[in-house]
Amino acid sequence: MGTWLLTAVETVCTTTELFTSTNVSHHPVQHLPRRAGRRPVGLLHGLREEDPELFHLYPSTRLSAAAGTGGRRTTR
């Protein structure tokens, strides 16, 4: 179900970059993007004490062709 959801979000994304994030302590959600071939790109400290936020970047080649239409909506 989670992989399907990620694919659906990529399909409707109208930007050339798509990021998701989850807390480092949330292991099931943290590993879902990696299993789907996404790569971690950053770690942000300070949003939650003692629980950094891990960000993943989705490759632009997997995003919808709608991104080329100049759409400005961001899907996160």
PDB file of N, CA and C in Angstrom:
ATOM      1  N   MET A   1       0.815  -1.196   0.000  1.00  0.00           N
ATOM      2  CA  MET A   1       0.000   0.000   0.000  1.00  0.00           C
ATOM      3  C   MET A   1       0.857   1.259   0.000  1.00  0.00           C
ATOM      4  N   GLY A   2       1.912   1.286   0.782  1.00  0.00           N
ATOM      5  CA  GLY A   2       2.770   2.464   0.866  1.00  0.00           C
ATOM      6  C   GLY A   2       3.452   2.785  -0.452  1.00  0.00           C
ATOM      7  N   THR A   3       3.951   1.754  -1.145  1.00  0.00           N
ATOM      8  CA  THR A   3       4.607   1.977  -2.434  1.00  0.00           C
ATOM      9  C   THR A   3       3.610   2.524  -3.443  1.00  0.00           C
ATOM     10  N   TRP A   4       2.395   2.001  -3.422  1.00  0.00           N
ATOM     11  CA  TRP A   4       1.361   2.501  -4.313  1.00  0.00           C
ATOM     12  C   TRP A   4       1.100   3.983  -4.054  1.00  0.00           C
ATOM     13  N   LEU A   5       1.053   4.375  -2.785  1.00  0.00           N
ATOM     14  CA  LEU A   5       0.815   5.767  -2.429  1.00  0.00           C
ATOM     15  C   LEU A   5       1.937   6.665  -2.939  1.00  0.00           C
ATOM     16  N   LEU A   6       3.180   6.235  -2.771  1.00  0.00           N
ATOM     17  CA  LEU A   6       4.305   7.019  -3.286  1.00  0.00           C
ATOM     18  C   LEU A   6       4.220   7.193  -4.796  1.00  0.00           C
ATOM     19  N   THR A   7       3.877   6.137  -5.503  1.00  0.00           N
ATOM     20  CA  THR A   7       3.747   6.207  -6.962  1.00  0.00           C
ATOM     21  C   THR A   7       2.621   7.161  -7.354  1.00  0.00           C
ATOM     22  N   ALA A   8       1.524   7.125  -6.639  1.00  0.00           N
ATOM     23  CA  ALA A   8       0.397   8.019  -6.928  1.00  0.00           C
ATOM     24  C   ALA A   8       0.793   9.477  -6.739  1.00  0.00           C
ATOM     25  N   VAL A   9       1.550   9.779  -5.690  1.00  0.00           N
ATOM     26  CA  VAL A   9       1.998  11.148  -5.444  1.00  0.00           C
ATOM     27  C   VAL A   9       2.928  11.603  -6.566  1.00  0.00           C
ATOM     28  N   GLU A  10       3.841  10.743  -7.003  1.00  0.00           N
ATOM     29  CA  GLU A  10       4.734  11.089  -8.110  1.00  0.00           C
ATOM     30  C   GLU A  10       3.935  11.410  -9.370  1.00  0.00           C
ATOM     31  N   THR A  11       2.895  10.658  -9.601  1.00  0.00           N
ATOM     32  CA  THR A  11       2.098  10.812 -10.808  1.00  0.00           C
ATOM     33  C   THR A  11       1.392  12.169 -10.870  1.00  0.00           C
ATOM     34  N   VAL A  12       0.941  12.668  -9.740  1.00  0.00           N
ATOM     35  CA  VAL A  12       0.220  13.942  -9.738  1.00  0.00           C
ATOM     36  C   VAL A  12       1.114  15.139  -9.440  1.00  0.00           C
ATOM     37  N   CYS A  13       2.367  14.915  -9.140  1.00  0.00           N
ATOM     38  CA  CYS A  13       3.292  16.007  -8.834  1.00  0.00           C
ATOM     39  C   CYS A  13       3.493  16.869 -10.077  1.00  0.00           C
ATOM     40  N   THR A  14       3.394  18.173  -9.918  1.00  0.00           N
ATOM     41  CA  THR A  14       3.553  19.084 -11.046  1.00  0.00           C
ATOM     42  C   THR A  14       4.826  19.915 -10.945  1.00  0.00           C
ATOM     43  N   THR A  15       5.755  19.485 -10.115  1.00  0.00           N
ATOM     44  CA  THR A  15       7.032  20.178  -9.992  1.00  0.00           C
ATOM     45  C   THR A  15       8.148  19.251 -10.459  1.00  0.00           C
ATOM     46  N   THR A  16       9.334  19.796 -10.617  1.00  0.00           N
ATOM     47  CA  THR A  16      10.461  18.978 -11.062  1.00  0.00           C
ATOM     48  C   THR A  16      11.196  18.326  -9.903  1.00  0.00           C
ATOM     49  N   GLU A  17      10.832  18.702  -8.677  1.00  0.00           N
ATOM     50  CA  GLU A  17      11.425  18.074  -7.493  1.00  0.00           C
ATOM     51  C   GLU A  17      10.323  17.723  -6.509  1.00  0.00           C
ATOM     52  N   LEU A  18      10.496  16.597  -5.862  1.00  0.00           N
ATOM     53  CA  LEU A  18       9.541  16.146  -4.859  1.00  0.00           C
ATOM     54  C   LEU A  18      10.327  15.597  -3.678  1.00  0.00           C
ATOM     55  N   PHE A  19      10.028  16.109  -2.512  1.00  0.00           N
ATOM     56  CA  PHE A  19      10.672  15.655  -1.289  1.00  0.00           C
ATOM     57  C   PHE A  19       9.618  15.108  -0.339  1.00  0.00           C
ATOM     58  N   THR A  20       9.985  14.103   0.432  1.00  0.00           N
ATOM     59  CA  THR A  20       9.173  13.650   1.548  1.00  0.00           C
ATOM     60  C   THR A  20      10.064  13.637   2.780  1.00  0.00           C
ATOM     61  N   SER A  21       9.450  13.608   3.929  1.00  0.00           N
ATOM     62  CA  SER A  21      10.238  13.551   5.155  1.00  0.00           C
ATOM     63  C   SER A  21       9.502  12.746   6.207  1.00  0.00           C
ATOM     64  N   THR A  22      10.282  12.228   7.123  1.00  0.00           N
ATOM     65  CA  THR A  22       9.738  11.520   8.278  1.00  0.00           C
ATOM     66  C   THR A  22      10.756  11.588   9.401  1.00  0.00           C
ATOM     67  N   ASN A  23      10.282  11.404  10.605  1.00  0.00           N
ATOM     68  CA  ASN A  23      11.197  11.387  11.735  1.00  0.00           C
ATOM     69  C   ASN A  23      12.077  10.146  11.681  1.00  0.00           C
ATOM     70  N   VAL A  24      13.299  10.280  12.116  1.00  0.00           N
ATOM     71  CA  VAL A  24      14.239   9.168  12.127  1.00  0.00           C
ATOM     72  C   VAL A  24      13.703   8.007  12.957  1.00  0.00           C
ATOM     73  N   SER A  25      12.934   8.294  13.986  1.00  0.00           N
ATOM     74  CA  SER A  25      12.401   7.241  14.854  1.00  0.00           C
ATOM     75  C   SER A  25      11.255   6.452  14.205  1.00  0.00           C
ATOM     76  N   HIS A  26      10.706   6.952  13.124  1.00  0.00           N
ATOM     77  CA  HIS A  26       9.567   6.293  12.474  1.00  0.00           C
ATOM     78  C   HIS A  26      10.086   5.331  11.403  1.00  0.00           C
ATOM     79  N   HIS A  27      10.579   4.207  11.839  1.00  0.00           N
ATOM     80  CA  HIS A  27      11.284   3.266  10.964  1.00  0.00           C
ATOM     81  C   HIS A  27      10.482   2.739   9.778  1.00  0.00           C
ATOM     82  N   PRO A  28       9.228   2.324   9.926  1.00  0.00           N
ATOM     83  CA  PRO A  28       8.499   1.814   8.749  1.00  0.00           C
ATOM     84  C   PRO A  28       8.394   2.849   7.625  1.00  0.00           C
ATOM     85  N   VAL A  29       8.092   4.096   7.987  1.00  0.00           N
ATOM     86  CA  VAL A  29       7.961   5.141   6.967  1.00  0.00           C
ATOM     87  C   VAL A  29       9.336   5.567   6.465  1.00  0.00           C
ATOM     88  N   GLN A  30      10.329   5.517   7.308  1.00  0.00           N
ATOM     89  CA  GLN A  30      11.687   5.879   6.919  1.00  0.00           C
ATOM     90  C   GLN A  30      12.234   4.928   5.844  1.00  0.00           C
ATOM     91  N   HIS A  31      11.910   3.650   5.943  1.00  0.00           N
ATOM     92  CA  HIS A  31      12.440   2.672   4.996  1.00  0.00           C
ATOM     93  C   HIS A  31      11.624   2.553   3.715  1.00  0.00           C
ATOM     94  N   LEU A  32      10.390   3.014   3.729  1.00  0.00           N
ATOM     95  CA  LEU A  32       9.539   2.919   2.540  1.00  0.00           C
ATOM     96  C   LEU A  32      10.141   3.623   1.320  1.00  0.00           C
ATOM     97  N   PRO A  33      10.574   4.875   1.419  1.00  0.00           N
ATOM     98  CA  PRO A  33      11.170   5.516   0.234  1.00  0.00           C
ATOM     99  C   PRO A  33      12.427   4.796  -0.250  1.00  0.00           C
ATOM    100  N   ARG A  34      13.221   4.292   0.653  1.00  0.00           N
ATOM    101  CA  ARG A  34      14.442   3.580   0.246  1.00  0.00           C
ATOM    102  C   ARG A  34      14.113   2.299  -0.513  1.00  0.00           C
ATOM    103  N   ARG A  35      13.110   1.575  -0.031  1.00  0.00           N
ATOM    104  CA  ARG A  35      12.700   0.351  -0.734  1.00  0.00           C
ATOM    105  C   ARG A  35      12.165   0.667  -2.127  1.00  0.00           C
ATOM    106  N   ALA A  36      11.622   1.869  -2.291  1.00  0.00           N
ATOM    107  CA  ALA A  36      11.066   2.278  -3.581  1.00  0.00           C
ATOM    108  C   ALA A  36      12.117   2.958  -4.464  1.00  0.00           C
ATOM    109  N   GLY A  37      13.383   2.937  -4.043  1.00  0.00           N
ATOM    110  CA  GLY A  37      14.461   3.478  -4.866  1.00  0.00           C
ATOM    111  C   GLY A  37      14.742   4.955  -4.687  1.00  0.00           C
ATOM    112  N   ARG A  38      14.208   5.558  -3.645  1.00  0.00           N
ATOM    113  CA  ARG A  38      14.474   6.969  -3.388  1.00  0.00           C
ATOM    114  C   ARG A  38      15.691   7.090  -2.495  1.00  0.00           C
ATOM    115  N   ARG A  39      16.356   8.227  -2.571  1.00  0.00           N
ATOM    116  CA  ARG A  39      17.577   8.378  -1.781  1.00  0.00           C
ATOM    117  C   ARG A  39      17.424   9.463  -0.726  1.00  0.00           C
ATOM    118  N   PRO A  40      18.002   9.228   0.457  1.00  0.00           N
ATOM    119  CA  PRO A  40      17.965  10.272   1.473  1.00  0.00           C
ATOM    120  C   PRO A  40      18.879  11.425   1.065  1.00  0.00           C
ATOM    121  N   VAL A  41      18.435  12.656   1.306  1.00  0.00           N
ATOM    122  CA  VAL A  41      19.218  13.815   0.892  1.00  0.00           C
ATOM    123  C   VAL A  41      19.501  14.797   2.016  1.00  0.00           C
ATOM    124  N   GLY A  42      18.909  14.594   3.165  1.00  0.00           N
ATOM    125  CA  GLY A  42      19.184  15.541   4.231  1.00  0.00           C
ATOM    126  C   GLY A  42      18.559  15.139   5.549  1.00  0.00           C
ATOM    127  N   LEU A  43      19.099  15.728   6.582  1.00  0.00           N
ATOM    128  CA  LEU A  43      18.649  15.479   7.940  1.00  0.00           C
ATOM    129  C   LEU A  43      18.516  16.839   8.620  1.00  0.00           C
ATOM    130  N   LEU A  44      17.361  17.098   9.192  1.00  0.00           N
ATOM    131  CA  LEU A  44      17.099  18.381   9.834  1.00  0.00           C
ATOM    132  C   LEU A  44      16.895  18.171  11.327  1.00  0.00           C
ATOM    133  N   HIS A  45      17.717  18.841  12.103  1.00  0.00           N
ATOM    134  CA  HIS A  45      17.603  18.769  13.564  1.00  0.00           C
ATOM    135  C   HIS A  45      16.830  19.980  14.063  1.00  0.00           C
ATOM    136  N   GLY A  46      16.097  19.798  15.132  1.00  0.00           N
ATOM    137  CA  GLY A  46      15.457  20.924  15.794  1.00  0.00           C
ATOM    138  C   GLY A  46      13.953  21.007  15.641  1.00  0.00           C
ATOM    139  N   LEU A  47      13.353  20.249  14.737  1.00  0.00           N
ATOM    140  CA  LEU A  47      11.895  20.289  14.632  1.00  0.00           C
ATOM    141  C   LEU A  47      11.261  19.577  15.803  1.00  0.00           C
ATOM    142  N   ARG A  48      11.817  18.444  16.159  1.00  0.00           N
ATOM    143  CA  ARG A  48      11.397  17.693  17.348  1.00  0.00           C
ATOM    144  C   ARG A  48      12.642  17.377  18.141  1.00  0.00           C
ATOM    145  N   GLU A  49      12.600  17.667  19.393  1.00  0.00           N
ATOM    146  CA  GLU A  49      13.748  17.417  20.243  1.00  0.00           C
ATOM    147  C   GLU A  49      14.123  15.940  20.221  1.00  0.00           C
ATOM    148  N   GLU A  50      15.363  15.644  19.955  1.00  0.00           N
ATOM    149  CA  GLU A  50      15.907  14.276  19.959  1.00  0.00           C
ATOM    150  C   GLU A  50      15.366  13.378  18.844  1.00  0.00           C
ATOM    151  N   ASP A  51      14.705  13.945  17.817  1.00  0.00           N
ATOM    152  CA  ASP A  51      14.166  13.113  16.739  1.00  0.00           C
ATOM    153  C   ASP A  51      14.261  13.875  15.407  1.00  0.00           C
ATOM    154  N   PRO A  52      15.430  13.837  14.761  1.00  0.00           N
ATOM    155  CA  PRO A  52      15.621  14.581  13.515  1.00  0.00           C
ATOM    156  C   PRO A  52      14.668  14.129  12.410  1.00  0.00           C
ATOM    157  N   GLU A  53      14.477  14.996  11.434  1.00  0.00           N
ATOM    158  CA  GLU A  53      13.625  14.730  10.278  1.00  0.00           C
ATOM    159  C   GLU A  53      14.519  14.320   9.104  1.00  0.00           C
ATOM    160  N   LEU A  54      14.222  13.175   8.495  1.00  0.00           N
ATOM    161  CA  LEU A  54      14.991  12.654   7.365  1.00  0.00           C
ATOM    162  C   LEU A  54      14.231  12.953   6.078  1.00  0.00           C
ATOM    163  N   PHE A  55      14.900  13.585   5.119  1.00  0.00           N
ATOM    164  CA  PHE A  55      14.275  13.964   3.847  1.00  0.00           C
ATOM    165  C   PHE A  55      14.748  13.053   2.726  1.00  0.00           C
ATOM    166  N   HIS A  56      13.831  12.716   1.814  1.00  0.00           N
ATOM    167  CA  HIS A  56      14.147  11.914   0.625  1.00  0.00           C
ATOM    168  C   HIS A  56      13.785  12.703  -0.626  1.00  0.00           C
ATOM    169  N   LEU A  57      14.601  12.572  -1.656  1.00  0.00           N
ATOM    170  CA  LEU A  57      14.362  13.210  -2.949  1.00  0.00           C
ATOM    171  C   LEU A  57      13.886  12.166  -3.930  1.00  0.00           C
ATOM    172  N   TYR A  58      12.868  12.507  -4.687  1.00  0.00           N
ATOM    173  CA  TYR A  58      12.337  11.614  -5.710  1.00  0.00           C
ATOM    174  C   TYR A  58      12.934  12.030  -7.047  1.00  0.00           C
ATOM    175  N   PRO A  59      13.489  11.097  -7.794  1.00  0.00           N
ATOM    176  CA  PRO A  59      14.123  11.439  -9.072  1.00  0.00           C
ATOM    177  C   PRO A  59      13.147  12.107 -10.030  1.00  0.00           C
ATOM    178  N   SER A  60      13.586  13.174 -10.687  1.00  0.00           N
ATOM    179  CA  SER A  60      12.703  13.908 -11.587  1.00  0.00           C
ATOM    180  C   SER A  60      12.253  13.060 -12.766  1.00  0.00           C
ATOM    181  N   THR A  61      13.017  12.031 -13.121  1.00  0.00           N
ATOM    182  CA  THR A  61      12.629  11.174 -14.236  1.00  0.00           C
ATOM    183  C   THR A  61      11.392  10.360 -13.917  1.00  0.00           C
ATOM    184  N   ARG A  62      11.034  10.240 -12.655  1.00  0.00           N
ATOM    185  CA  ARG A  62       9.862   9.461 -12.262  1.00  0.00           C
ATOM    186  C   ARG A  62       8.633  10.335 -12.044  1.00  0.00           C
ATOM    187  N   LEU A  63       8.822  11.643 -12.104  1.00  0.00           N
ATOM    188  CA  LEU A  63       7.698  12.538 -11.855  1.00  0.00           C
ATOM    189  C   LEU A  63       6.861  12.705 -13.110  1.00  0.00           C
ATOM    190  N   SER A  64       5.644  13.127 -12.920  1.00  0.00           N
ATOM    191  CA  SER A  64       4.673  13.273 -14.005  1.00  0.00           C
ATOM    192  C   SER A  64       5.161  14.233 -15.086  1.00  0.00           C
ATOM    193  N   ALA A  65       4.763  13.982 -16.298  1.00  0.00           N
ATOM    194  CA  ALA A  65       5.074  14.872 -17.416  1.00  0.00           C
ATOM    195  C   ALA A  65       4.440  16.242 -17.196  1.00  0.00           C
ATOM    196  N   ALA A  66       3.492  16.338 -16.293  1.00  0.00           N
ATOM    197  CA  ALA A  66       2.845  17.617 -15.999  1.00  0.00           C
ATOM    198  C   ALA A  66       3.830  18.637 -15.453  1.00  0.00           C
ATOM    199  N   ALA A  67       4.960  18.177 -14.934  1.00  0.00           N
ATOM    200  CA  ALA A  67       5.965  19.096 -14.398  1.00  0.00           C
ATOM    201  C   ALA A  67       6.486  20.008 -15.488  1.00  0.00           C
ATOM    202  N   GLY A  68       6.489  19.561 -16.723  1.00  0.00           N
ATOM    203  CA  GLY A  68       6.976  20.366 -17.836  1.00  0.00           C
ATOM    204  C   GLY A  68       6.001  21.434 -18.281  1.00  0.00           C
ATOM    205  N   THR A  69       4.822  21.486 -17.693  1.00  0.00           N
ATOM    206  CA  THR A  69       3.817  22.458 -18.103  1.00  0.00           C
ATOM    207  C   THR A  69       3.925  23.761 -17.338  1.00  0.00           C
ATOM    208  N   GLY A  70       4.917  23.851 -16.461  1.00  0.00           N
ATOM    209  CA  GLY A  70       5.091  25.078 -15.702  1.00  0.00           C
ATOM    210  C   GLY A  70       4.217  25.167 -14.468  1.00  0.00           C
ATOM    211  N   GLY A  71       3.618  24.057 -14.070  1.00  0.00           N
ATOM    212  CA  GLY A  71       2.773  24.053 -12.874  1.00  0.00           C
ATOM    213  C   GLY A  71       3.565  24.448 -11.647  1.00  0.00           C
ATOM    214  N   ARG A  72       2.941  25.161 -10.744  1.00  0.00           N
ATOM    215  CA  ARG A  72       3.640  25.648  -9.562  1.00  0.00           C
ATOM    216  C   ARG A  72       3.170  24.954  -8.299  1.00  0.00           C
ATOM    217  N   ARG A  73       2.219  24.045  -8.396  1.00  0.00           N
ATOM    218  CA  ARG A  73       1.728  23.365  -7.201  1.00  0.00           C
ATOM    219  C   ARG A  73       2.812  22.427  -6.671  1.00  0.00           C
ATOM    220  N   THR A  74       3.000  22.403  -5.380  1.00  0.00           N
ATOM    221  CA  THR A  74       3.972  21.523  -4.757  1.00  0.00           C
ATOM    222  C   THR A  74       3.234  20.430  -4.009  1.00  0.00           C
ATOM    223  N   THR A  75       3.619  19.199  -4.248  1.00  0.00           N
ATOM    224  CA  THR A  75       3.020  18.064  -3.559  1.00  0.00           C
ATOM    225  C   THR A  75       4.029  17.521  -2.569  1.00  0.00           C
ATOM    226  N   ARG A  76       3.660  17.523  -1.303  1.00  0.00           N
ATOM    227  CA  ARG A  76       4.570  17.003  -0.271  1.00  0.00           C
ATOM    228  C   ARG A  76       3.829  16.140   0.668  1.00  0.00           C
TER     229      ARG A  76
END
